[in-house]
Amino acid sequence: LQFLYFIGLVGGGVDRMGSNSTKEAPPAATEQPLQKMRTAKGREACYQAKDEYYRCLENEEMCEEAMKAYEEICPRSWRNYFQDGKRKEQIVASQLMGLRSS
């Protein structure tokens, strides 16, 4: 379920009333991670947090701590980029599985 939430299939989005239920962080909260990304250490920390979070999701564990670290360390734009890449990987993998079973 956490993985479905992460890739946007559960939670967030438009609710039944038509309003956007995804909560945006205030601008000040997103500026700090962007500043950290200007250094190699900041980028490395983001990649490590992402890898740890994805590893946790793949093992179908409770990933609250990993998710919190990932969200605190990596800016939203980077998380969106990683998420889009993961979705593309899953689409390609499912297409390859379909070709192999044909």
PDB file of N, CA and C in Angstrom:
ATOM      1  N   LEU A   1       0.835  -1.198   0.000  1.00  0.00           N
ATOM      2  CA  LEU A   1       0.000   0.000   0.000  1.00  0.00           C
ATOM      3  C   LEU A   1       0.868   1.246   0.000  1.00  0.00           C
ATOM      4  N   GLN A   2       1.980   1.215   0.759  1.00  0.00           N
ATOM      5  CA  GLN A   2       2.851   2.385   0.765  1.00  0.00           C
ATOM      6  C   GLN A   2       3.388   2.659  -0.625  1.00  0.00           C
ATOM      7  N   PHE A   3       3.730   1.590  -1.347  1.00  0.00           N
ATOM      8  CA  PHE A   3       4.269   1.780  -2.678  1.00  0.00           C
ATOM      9  C   PHE A   3       3.222   2.396  -3.591  1.00  0.00           C
ATOM     10  N   LEU A   4       1.965   1.939  -3.491  1.00  0.00           N
ATOM     11  CA  LEU A   4       0.900   2.524  -4.292  1.00  0.00           C
ATOM     12  C   LEU A   4       0.699   3.990  -3.942  1.00  0.00           C
ATOM     13  N   TYR A   5       0.816   4.315  -2.659  1.00  0.00           N
ATOM     14  CA  TYR A   5       0.727   5.708  -2.251  1.00  0.00           C
ATOM     15  C   TYR A   5       1.871   6.506  -2.865  1.00  0.00           C
ATOM     16  N   PHE A   6       3.079   5.911  -2.833  1.00  0.00           N
ATOM     17  CA  PHE A   6       4.252   6.609  -3.351  1.00  0.00           C
ATOM     18  C   PHE A   6       4.121   6.907  -4.833  1.00  0.00           C
ATOM     19  N   ILE A   7       3.646   5.939  -5.617  1.00  0.00           N
ATOM     20  CA  ILE A   7       3.577   6.169  -7.056  1.00  0.00           C
ATOM     21  C   ILE A   7       2.313   6.918  -7.467  1.00  0.00           C
ATOM     22  N   GLY A   8       1.498   7.293  -6.495  1.00  0.00           N
ATOM     23  CA  GLY A   8       0.355   8.151  -6.790  1.00  0.00           C
ATOM     24  C   GLY A   8      -0.926   7.414  -7.110  1.00  0.00           C
ATOM     25  N   LEU A   9      -0.971   6.097  -6.904  1.00  0.00           N
ATOM     26  CA  LEU A   9      -2.189   5.361  -7.192  1.00  0.00           C
ATOM     27  C   LEU A   9      -3.172   5.395  -6.036  1.00  0.00           C
ATOM     28  N   VAL A  10      -2.697   5.716  -4.840  1.00  0.00           N
ATOM     29  CA  VAL A  10      -3.539   5.808  -3.660  1.00  0.00           C
ATOM     30  C   VAL A  10      -3.210   7.113  -2.965  1.00  0.00           C
ATOM     31  N   GLY A  11      -4.216   7.810  -2.503  1.00  0.00           N
ATOM     32  CA  GLY A  11      -3.990   9.053  -1.760  1.00  0.00           C
ATOM     33  C   GLY A  11      -3.741  10.230  -2.684  1.00  0.00           C
ATOM     34  N   GLY A  12      -3.869  11.423  -2.129  1.00  0.00           N
ATOM     35  CA  GLY A  12      -3.620  12.631  -2.909  1.00  0.00           C
ATOM     36  C   GLY A  12      -4.608  12.772  -4.052  1.00  0.00           C
ATOM     37  N   GLY A  13      -4.304  13.641  -4.983  1.00  0.00           N
ATOM     38  CA  GLY A  13      -5.125  13.805  -6.167  1.00  0.00           C
ATOM     39  C   GLY A  13      -6.401  14.566  -5.893  1.00  0.00           C
ATOM     40  N   VAL A  14      -7.397  14.322  -6.721  1.00  0.00           N
ATOM     41  CA  VAL A  14      -8.671  15.031  -6.622  1.00  0.00           C
ATOM     42  C   VAL A  14      -9.655  14.153  -5.866  1.00  0.00           C
ATOM     43  N   ASP A  15     -10.295  14.732  -4.851  1.00  0.00           N
ATOM     44  CA  ASP A  15     -11.254  13.958  -4.076  1.00  0.00           C
ATOM     45  C   ASP A  15     -12.623  13.983  -4.755  1.00  0.00           C
ATOM     46  N   ARG A  16     -13.603  13.359  -4.110  1.00  0.00           N
ATOM     47  CA  ARG A  16     -14.939  13.265  -4.694  1.00  0.00           C
ATOM     48  C   ARG A  16     -15.595  14.627  -4.908  1.00  0.00           C
ATOM     49  N   MET A  17     -15.199  15.597  -4.129  1.00  0.00           N
ATOM     50  CA  MET A  17     -15.786  16.924  -4.248  1.00  0.00           C
ATOM     51  C   MET A  17     -15.087  17.746  -5.328  1.00  0.00           C
ATOM     52  N   GLY A  18     -14.054  17.198  -5.957  1.00  0.00           N
ATOM     53  CA  GLY A  18     -13.392  17.893  -7.040  1.00  0.00           C
ATOM     54  C   GLY A  18     -12.262  18.803  -6.596  1.00  0.00           C
ATOM     55  N   SER A  19     -11.968  18.826  -5.294  1.00  0.00           N
ATOM     56  CA  SER A  19     -10.882  19.689  -4.846  1.00  0.00           C
ATOM     57  C   SER A  19      -9.598  18.882  -4.756  1.00  0.00           C
ATOM     58  N   ASN A  20      -8.500  19.563  -4.881  1.00  0.00           N
ATOM     59  CA  ASN A  20      -7.194  18.904  -4.839  1.00  0.00           C
ATOM     60  C   ASN A  20      -6.831  18.659  -3.390  1.00  0.00           C
ATOM     61  N   SER A  21      -6.676  17.379  -3.016  1.00  0.00           N
ATOM     62  CA  SER A  21      -6.389  17.054  -1.630  1.00  0.00           C
ATOM     63  C   SER A  21      -4.896  16.911  -1.366  1.00  0.00           C
ATOM     64  N   THR A  22      -4.076  17.063  -2.390  1.00  0.00           N
ATOM     65  CA  THR A  22      -2.634  16.989  -2.195  1.00  0.00           C
ATOM     66  C   THR A  22      -2.185  18.264  -1.514  1.00  0.00           C
ATOM     67  N   LYS A  23      -1.507  18.130  -0.397  1.00  0.00           N
ATOM     68  CA  LYS A  23      -1.087  19.307   0.354  1.00  0.00           C
ATOM     69  C   LYS A  23       0.312  19.723  -0.083  1.00  0.00           C
ATOM     70  N   GLU A  24       0.424  20.946  -0.482  1.00  0.00           N
ATOM     71  CA  GLU A  24       1.712  21.500  -0.901  1.00  0.00           C
ATOM     72  C   GLU A  24       2.444  22.041   0.321  1.00  0.00           C
ATOM     73  N   ALA A  25       3.736  21.841   0.328  1.00  0.00           N
ATOM     74  CA  ALA A  25       4.544  22.399   1.414  1.00  0.00           C
ATOM     75  C   ALA A  25       4.695  23.891   1.186  1.00  0.00           C
ATOM     76  N   PRO A  26       4.783  24.654   2.257  1.00  0.00           N
ATOM     77  CA  PRO A  26       4.987  26.082   2.080  1.00  0.00           C
ATOM     78  C   PRO A  26       6.328  26.328   1.394  1.00  0.00           C
ATOM     79  N   PRO A  27       6.460  27.412   0.629  1.00  0.00           N
ATOM     80  CA  PRO A  27       7.693  27.670  -0.107  1.00  0.00           C
ATOM     81  C   PRO A  27       8.948  27.629   0.760  1.00  0.00           C
ATOM     82  N   ALA A  28       8.889  28.131   1.978  1.00  0.00           N
ATOM     83  CA  ALA A  28      10.071  28.156   2.836  1.00  0.00           C
ATOM     84  C   ALA A  28      10.563  26.741   3.142  1.00  0.00           C
ATOM     85  N   ALA A  29       9.650  25.787   3.225  1.00  0.00           N
ATOM     86  CA  ALA A  29      10.032  24.407   3.541  1.00  0.00           C
ATOM     87  C   ALA A  29      10.754  23.747   2.374  1.00  0.00           C
ATOM     88  N   THR A  30      10.486  24.181   1.149  1.00  0.00           N
ATOM     89  CA  THR A  30      11.130  23.563  -0.002  1.00  0.00           C
ATOM     90  C   THR A  30      12.434  24.248  -0.375  1.00  0.00           C
ATOM     91  N   GLU A  31      12.675  25.432   0.107  1.00  0.00           N
ATOM     92  CA  GLU A  31      13.906  26.142  -0.244  1.00  0.00           C
ATOM     93  C   GLU A  31      15.127  25.519   0.397  1.00  0.00           C
ATOM     94  N   GLN A  32      15.017  25.071   1.626  1.00  0.00           N
ATOM     95  CA  GLN A  32      16.164  24.524   2.323  1.00  0.00           C
ATOM     96  C   GLN A  32      16.746  23.301   1.611  1.00  0.00           C
ATOM     97  N   PRO A  33      15.947  22.270   1.230  1.00  0.00           N
ATOM     98  CA  PRO A  33      16.536  21.148   0.514  1.00  0.00           C
ATOM     99  C   PRO A  33      17.175  21.559  -0.806  1.00  0.00           C
ATOM    100  N   LEU A  34      16.605  22.544  -1.489  1.00  0.00           N
ATOM    101  CA  LEU A  34      17.199  22.985  -2.746  1.00  0.00           C
ATOM    102  C   LEU A  34      18.584  23.577  -2.515  1.00  0.00           C
ATOM    103  N   GLN A  35      18.767  24.281  -1.423  1.00  0.00           N
ATOM    104  CA  GLN A  35      20.076  24.834  -1.101  1.00  0.00           C
ATOM    105  C   GLN A  35      21.089  23.719  -0.863  1.00  0.00           C
ATOM    106  N   LYS A  36      20.656  22.661  -0.186  1.00  0.00           N
ATOM    107  CA  LYS A  36      21.548  21.542   0.106  1.00  0.00           C
ATOM    108  C   LYS A  36      21.973  20.812  -1.163  1.00  0.00           C
ATOM    109  N   MET A  37      21.140  20.842  -2.196  1.00  0.00           N
ATOM    110  CA  MET A  37      21.430  20.107  -3.414  1.00  0.00           C
ATOM    111  C   MET A  37      22.550  20.749  -4.230  1.00  0.00           C
ATOM    112  N   ARG A  38      22.971  21.912  -3.836  1.00  0.00           N
ATOM    113  CA  ARG A  38      24.062  22.587  -4.548  1.00  0.00           C
ATOM    114  C   ARG A  38      25.424  21.981  -4.230  1.00  0.00           C
ATOM    115  N   THR A  39      25.486  21.154  -3.192  1.00  0.00           N
ATOM    116  CA  THR A  39      26.755  20.526  -2.834  1.00  0.00           C
ATOM    117  C   THR A  39      26.712  19.037  -3.181  1.00  0.00           C
ATOM    118  N   ALA A  40      27.883  18.476  -3.425  1.00  0.00           N
ATOM    119  CA  ALA A  40      27.964  17.047  -3.733  1.00  0.00           C
ATOM    120  C   ALA A  40      27.462  16.212  -2.557  1.00  0.00           C
ATOM    121  N   LYS A  41      27.748  16.655  -1.334  1.00  0.00           N
ATOM    122  CA  LYS A  41      27.283  15.920  -0.146  1.00  0.00           C
ATOM    123  C   LYS A  41      25.759  15.898  -0.086  1.00  0.00           C
ATOM    124  N   GLY A  42      25.140  17.020  -0.394  1.00  0.00           N
ATOM    125  CA  GLY A  42      23.678  17.094  -0.379  1.00  0.00           C
ATOM    126  C   GLY A  42      23.060  16.179  -1.416  1.00  0.00           C
ATOM    127  N   ARG A  43      23.619  16.174  -2.621  1.00  0.00           N
ATOM    128  CA  ARG A  43      23.106  15.299  -3.676  1.00  0.00           C
ATOM    129  C   ARG A  43      23.310  13.830  -3.308  1.00  0.00           C
ATOM    130  N   GLU A  44      24.474  13.510  -2.766  1.00  0.00           N
ATOM    131  CA  GLU A  44      24.761  12.141  -2.366  1.00  0.00           C
ATOM    132  C   GLU A  44      23.790  11.681  -1.271  1.00  0.00           C
ATOM    133  N   ALA A  45      23.523  12.561  -0.317  1.00  0.00           N
ATOM    134  CA  ALA A  45      22.589  12.231   0.763  1.00  0.00           C
ATOM    135  C   ALA A  45      21.191  11.969   0.207  1.00  0.00           C
ATOM    136  N   CYS A  46      20.794  12.747  -0.785  1.00  0.00           N
ATOM    137  CA  CYS A  46      19.482  12.557  -1.398  1.00  0.00           C
ATOM    138  C   CYS A  46      19.413  11.204  -2.099  1.00  0.00           C
ATOM    139  N   TYR A  47      20.429  10.891  -2.881  1.00  0.00           N
ATOM    140  CA  TYR A  47      20.440   9.598  -3.569  1.00  0.00           C
ATOM    141  C   TYR A  47      20.436   8.442  -2.581  1.00  0.00           C
ATOM    142  N   GLN A  48      21.172   8.573  -1.493  1.00  0.00           N
ATOM    143  CA  GLN A  48      21.197   7.508  -0.487  1.00  0.00           C
ATOM    144  C   GLN A  48      19.829   7.351   0.172  1.00  0.00           C
ATOM    145  N   ALA A  49      19.189   8.473   0.485  1.00  0.00           N
ATOM    146  CA  ALA A  49      17.852   8.419   1.091  1.00  0.00           C
ATOM    147  C   ALA A  49      16.851   7.794   0.128  1.00  0.00           C
ATOM    148  N   LYS A  50      16.952   8.153  -1.142  1.00  0.00           N
ATOM    149  CA  LYS A  50      16.059   7.576  -2.160  1.00  0.00           C
ATOM    150  C   LYS A  50      16.275   6.069  -2.263  1.00  0.00           C
ATOM    151  N   ASP A  51      17.535   5.654  -2.361  1.00  0.00           N
ATOM    152  CA  ASP A  51      17.840   4.228  -2.490  1.00  0.00           C
ATOM    153  C   ASP A  51      17.348   3.437  -1.286  1.00  0.00           C
ATOM    154  N   GLU A  52      17.527   3.995  -0.099  1.00  0.00           N
ATOM    155  CA  GLU A  52      17.067   3.321   1.117  1.00  0.00           C
ATOM    156  C   GLU A  52      15.541   3.208   1.129  1.00  0.00           C
ATOM    157  N   TYR A  53      14.869   4.268   0.734  1.00  0.00           N
ATOM    158  CA  TYR A  53      13.408   4.264   0.706  1.00  0.00           C
ATOM    159  C   TYR A  53      12.886   3.250  -0.314  1.00  0.00           C
ATOM    160  N   TYR A  54      13.446   3.259  -1.517  1.00  0.00           N
ATOM    161  CA  TYR A  54      13.002   2.315  -2.546  1.00  0.00           C
ATOM    162  C   TYR A  54      13.289   0.872  -2.132  1.00  0.00           C
ATOM    163  N   ARG A  55      14.442   0.640  -1.509  1.00  0.00           N
ATOM    164  CA  ARG A  55      14.787  -0.700  -1.036  1.00  0.00           C
ATOM    165  C   ARG A  55      13.749  -1.161  -0.003  1.00  0.00           C
ATOM    166  N   CYS A  56      13.372  -0.269   0.875  1.00  0.00           N
ATOM    167  CA  CYS A  56      12.366  -0.569   1.883  1.00  0.00           C
ATOM    168  C   CYS A  56      11.032  -0.922   1.220  1.00  0.00           C
ATOM    169  N   LEU A  57      10.629  -0.149   0.235  1.00  0.00           N
ATOM    170  CA  LEU A  57       9.365  -0.411  -0.464  1.00  0.00           C
ATOM    171  C   LEU A  57       9.391  -1.756  -1.177  1.00  0.00           C
ATOM    172  N   GLU A  58      10.520  -2.089  -1.791  1.00  0.00           N
ATOM    173  CA  GLU A  58      10.631  -3.358  -2.503  1.00  0.00           C
ATOM    174  C   GLU A  58      10.507  -4.544  -1.554  1.00  0.00           C
ATOM    175  N   ASN A  59      10.956  -4.366  -0.316  1.00  0.00           N
ATOM    176  CA  ASN A  59      10.866  -5.432   0.684  1.00  0.00           C
ATOM    177  C   ASN A  59       9.511  -5.454   1.377  1.00  0.00           C
ATOM    178  N   GLU A  60       8.617  -4.552   0.965  1.00  0.00           N
ATOM    179  CA  GLU A  60       7.262  -4.451   1.505  1.00  0.00           C
ATOM    180  C   GLU A  60       7.262  -4.313   3.018  1.00  0.00           C
ATOM    181  N   GLU A  61       8.147  -3.485   3.509  1.00  0.00           N
ATOM    182  CA  GLU A  61       8.236  -3.198   4.937  1.00  0.00           C
ATOM    183  C   GLU A  61       7.522  -1.887   5.235  1.00  0.00           C
ATOM    184  N   MET A  62       7.370  -1.607   6.507  1.00  0.00           N
ATOM    185  CA  MET A  62       6.856  -0.300   6.913  1.00  0.00           C
ATOM    186  C   MET A  62       7.996   0.689   6.735  1.00  0.00           C
ATOM    187  N   CYS A  63       7.779   1.714   5.962  1.00  0.00           N
ATOM    188  CA  CYS A  63       8.870   2.590   5.546  1.00  0.00           C
ATOM    189  C   CYS A  63       8.705   4.024   6.030  1.00  0.00           C
ATOM    190  N   GLU A  64       8.031   4.221   7.140  1.00  0.00           N
ATOM    191  CA  GLU A  64       7.759   5.581   7.593  1.00  0.00           C
ATOM    192  C   GLU A  64       9.031   6.379   7.839  1.00  0.00           C
ATOM    193  N   GLU A  65      10.005   5.777   8.515  1.00  0.00           N
ATOM    194  CA  GLU A  65      11.240   6.497   8.814  1.00  0.00           C
ATOM    195  C   GLU A  65      12.020   6.801   7.543  1.00  0.00           C
ATOM    196  N   ALA A  66      12.109   5.811   6.655  1.00  0.00           N
ATOM    197  CA  ALA A  66      12.832   6.012   5.395  1.00  0.00           C
ATOM    198  C   ALA A  66      12.130   7.075   4.550  1.00  0.00           C
ATOM    199  N   MET A  67      10.801   7.051   4.537  1.00  0.00           N
ATOM    200  CA  MET A  67      10.046   8.031   3.764  1.00  0.00           C
ATOM    201  C   MET A  67      10.246   9.429   4.345  1.00  0.00           C
ATOM    202  N   LYS A  68      10.227   9.535   5.651  1.00  0.00           N
ATOM    203  CA  LYS A  68      10.401  10.845   6.288  1.00  0.00           C
ATOM    204  C   LYS A  68      11.786  11.412   5.970  1.00  0.00           C
ATOM    205  N   ALA A  69      12.823  10.577   6.057  1.00  0.00           N
ATOM    206  CA  ALA A  69      14.180  11.031   5.743  1.00  0.00           C
ATOM    207  C   ALA A  69      14.268  11.449   4.281  1.00  0.00           C
ATOM    208  N   TYR A  70      13.689  10.652   3.403  1.00  0.00           N
ATOM    209  CA  TYR A  70      13.685  10.937   1.967  1.00  0.00           C
ATOM    210  C   TYR A  70      13.012  12.277   1.681  1.00  0.00           C
ATOM    211  N   GLU A  71      11.873  12.513   2.313  1.00  0.00           N
ATOM    212  CA  GLU A  71      11.140  13.756   2.087  1.00  0.00           C
ATOM    213  C   GLU A  71      11.862  14.966   2.683  1.00  0.00           C
ATOM    214  N   GLU A  72      12.571  14.772   3.785  1.00  0.00           N
ATOM    215  CA  GLU A  72      13.298  15.887   4.400  1.00  0.00           C
ATOM    216  C   GLU A  72      14.569  16.232   3.642  1.00  0.00           C
ATOM    217  N   ILE A  73      15.228  15.229   3.098  1.00  0.00           N
ATOM    218  CA  ILE A  73      16.523  15.446   2.457  1.00  0.00           C
ATOM    219  C   ILE A  73      16.381  15.886   1.008  1.00  0.00           C
ATOM    220  N   CYS A  74      15.469  15.261   0.268  1.00  0.00           N
ATOM    221  CA  CYS A  74      15.348  15.527  -1.170  1.00  0.00           C
ATOM    222  C   CYS A  74      14.247  16.545  -1.459  1.00  0.00           C
ATOM    223  N   PRO A  75      14.538  17.524  -2.300  1.00  0.00           N
ATOM    224  CA  PRO A  75      13.497  18.487  -2.681  1.00  0.00           C
ATOM    225  C   PRO A  75      12.376  17.791  -3.463  1.00  0.00           C
ATOM    226  N   ARG A  76      11.219  18.380  -3.421  1.00  0.00           N
ATOM    227  CA  ARG A  76      10.046  17.828  -4.104  1.00  0.00           C
ATOM    228  C   ARG A  76      10.320  17.599  -5.588  1.00  0.00           C
ATOM    229  N   SER A  77      10.991  18.518  -6.238  1.00  0.00           N
ATOM    230  CA  SER A  77      11.253  18.357  -7.673  1.00  0.00           C
ATOM    231  C   SER A  77      12.087  17.109  -7.950  1.00  0.00           C
ATOM    232  N   TRP A  78      13.039  16.814  -7.085  1.00  0.00           N
ATOM    233  CA  TRP A  78      13.853  15.616  -7.244  1.00  0.00           C
ATOM    234  C   TRP A  78      13.012  14.366  -6.983  1.00  0.00           C
ATOM    235  N   ARG A  79      12.175  14.403  -5.939  1.00  0.00           N
ATOM    236  CA  ARG A  79      11.323  13.254  -5.635  1.00  0.00           C
ATOM    237  C   ARG A  79      10.375  12.973  -6.793  1.00  0.00           C
ATOM    238  N   ASN A  80       9.826  14.027  -7.392  1.00  0.00           N
ATOM    239  CA  ASN A  80       8.943  13.854  -8.546  1.00  0.00           C
ATOM    240  C   ASN A  80       9.695  13.221  -9.713  1.00  0.00           C
ATOM    241  N   TYR A  81      10.921  13.666  -9.932  1.00  0.00           N
ATOM    242  CA  TYR A  81      11.747  13.114 -11.005  1.00  0.00           C
ATOM    243  C   TYR A  81      12.018  11.630 -10.757  1.00  0.00           C
ATOM    244  N   PHE A  82      12.393  11.283  -9.532  1.00  0.00           N
ATOM    245  CA  PHE A  82      12.657   9.882  -9.196  1.00  0.00           C
ATOM    246  C   PHE A  82      11.393   9.043  -9.361  1.00  0.00           C
ATOM    247  N   GLN A  83      10.266   9.593  -8.925  1.00  0.00           N
ATOM    248  CA  GLN A  83       8.993   8.883  -9.010  1.00  0.00           C
ATOM    249  C   GLN A  83       8.623   8.628 -10.466  1.00  0.00           C
ATOM    250  N   ASP A  84       8.795   9.621 -11.330  1.00  0.00           N
ATOM    251  CA  ASP A  84       8.499   9.446 -12.758  1.00  0.00           C
ATOM    252  C   ASP A  84       9.394   8.360 -13.364  1.00  0.00           C
ATOM    253  N   GLY A  85      10.655   8.362 -12.984  1.00  0.00           N
ATOM    254  CA  GLY A  85      11.575   7.334 -13.474  1.00  0.00           C
ATOM    255  C   GLY A  85      11.162   5.951 -13.025  1.00  0.00           C
ATOM    256  N   LYS A  86      10.718   5.829 -11.777  1.00  0.00           N
ATOM    257  CA  LYS A  86      10.276   4.535 -11.243  1.00  0.00           C
ATOM    258  C   LYS A  86       9.034   4.057 -11.982  1.00  0.00           C
ATOM    259  N   ARG A  87       8.107   4.957 -12.255  1.00  0.00           N
ATOM    260  CA  ARG A  87       6.902   4.578 -13.004  1.00  0.00           C
ATOM    261  C   ARG A  87       7.274   4.068 -14.391  1.00  0.00           C
ATOM    262  N   LYS A  88       8.203   4.761 -15.056  1.00  0.00           N
ATOM    263  CA  LYS A  88       8.628   4.341 -16.394  1.00  0.00           C
ATOM    264  C   LYS A  88       9.285   2.963 -16.338  1.00  0.00           C
ATOM    265  N   GLU A  89      10.106   2.728 -15.322  1.00  0.00           N
ATOM    266  CA  GLU A  89      10.733   1.411 -15.151  1.00  0.00           C
ATOM    267  C   GLU A  89       9.669   0.326 -15.012  1.00  0.00           C
ATOM    268  N   GLN A  90       8.636   0.609 -14.230  1.00  0.00           N
ATOM    269  CA  GLN A  90       7.582  -0.381 -14.000  1.00  0.00           C
ATOM    270  C   GLN A  90       6.799  -0.656 -15.275  1.00  0.00           C
ATOM    271  N   ILE A  91       6.553   0.368 -16.054  1.00  0.00           N
ATOM    272  CA  ILE A  91       5.826   0.185 -17.320  1.00  0.00           C
ATOM    273  C   ILE A  91       6.648  -0.686 -18.259  1.00  0.00           C
ATOM    274  N   VAL A  92       7.917  -0.383 -18.395  1.00  0.00           N
ATOM    275  CA  VAL A  92       8.789  -1.164 -19.271  1.00  0.00           C
ATOM    276  C   VAL A  92       8.870  -2.606 -18.778  1.00  0.00           C
ATOM    277  N   ALA A  93       9.028  -2.784 -17.465  1.00  0.00           N
ATOM    278  CA  ALA A  93       9.117  -4.137 -16.907  1.00  0.00           C
ATOM    279  C   ALA A  93       7.846  -4.926 -17.181  1.00  0.00           C
ATOM    280  N   SER A  94       6.677  -4.298 -17.017  1.00  0.00           N
ATOM    281  CA  SER A  94       5.424  -5.020 -17.260  1.00  0.00           C
ATOM    282  C   SER A  94       5.253  -5.330 -18.745  1.00  0.00           C
ATOM    283  N   GLN A  95       5.707  -4.441 -19.613  1.00  0.00           N
ATOM    284  CA  GLN A  95       5.639  -4.705 -21.050  1.00  0.00           C
ATOM    285  C   GLN A  95       6.565  -5.860 -21.426  1.00  0.00           C
ATOM    286  N   LEU A  96       7.757  -5.897 -20.828  1.00  0.00           N
ATOM    287  CA  LEU A  96       8.683  -6.993 -21.105  1.00  0.00           C
ATOM    288  C   LEU A  96       8.124  -8.317 -20.613  1.00  0.00           C
ATOM    289  N   MET A  97       7.487  -8.310 -19.454  1.00  0.00           N
ATOM    290  CA  MET A  97       6.871  -9.538 -18.929  1.00  0.00           C
ATOM    291  C   MET A  97       5.778 -10.017 -19.873  1.00  0.00           C
ATOM    292  N   GLY A  98       5.020  -9.087 -20.422  1.00  0.00           N
ATOM    293  CA  GLY A  98       3.968  -9.444 -21.382  1.00  0.00           C
ATOM    294  C   GLY A  98       4.546 -10.049 -22.646  1.00  0.00           C
ATOM    295  N   LEU A  99       5.653  -9.524 -23.126  1.00  0.00           N
ATOM    296  CA  LEU A  99       6.296 -10.060 -24.318  1.00  0.00           C
ATOM    297  C   LEU A  99       6.858 -11.446 -24.061  1.00  0.00           C
ATOM    298  N   ARG A 100       7.407 -11.659 -22.877  1.00  0.00           N
ATOM    299  CA  ARG A 100       8.001 -12.960 -22.547  1.00  0.00           C
ATOM    300  C   ARG A 100       6.942 -14.042 -22.400  1.00  0.00           C
ATOM    301  N   SER A 101       5.761 -13.656 -21.925  1.00  0.00           N
ATOM    302  CA  SER A 101       4.710 -14.661 -21.727  1.00  0.00           C
ATOM    303  C   SER A 101       3.946 -14.938 -23.015  1.00  0.00           C
ATOM    304  N   SER A 102       4.162 -14.146 -24.046  1.00  0.00           N
ATOM    305  CA  SER A 102       3.461 -14.348 -25.331  1.00  0.00           C
ATOM    306  C   SER A 102       4.062 -15.468 -26.133  1.00  0.00           C
TER     307      SER A 102
END
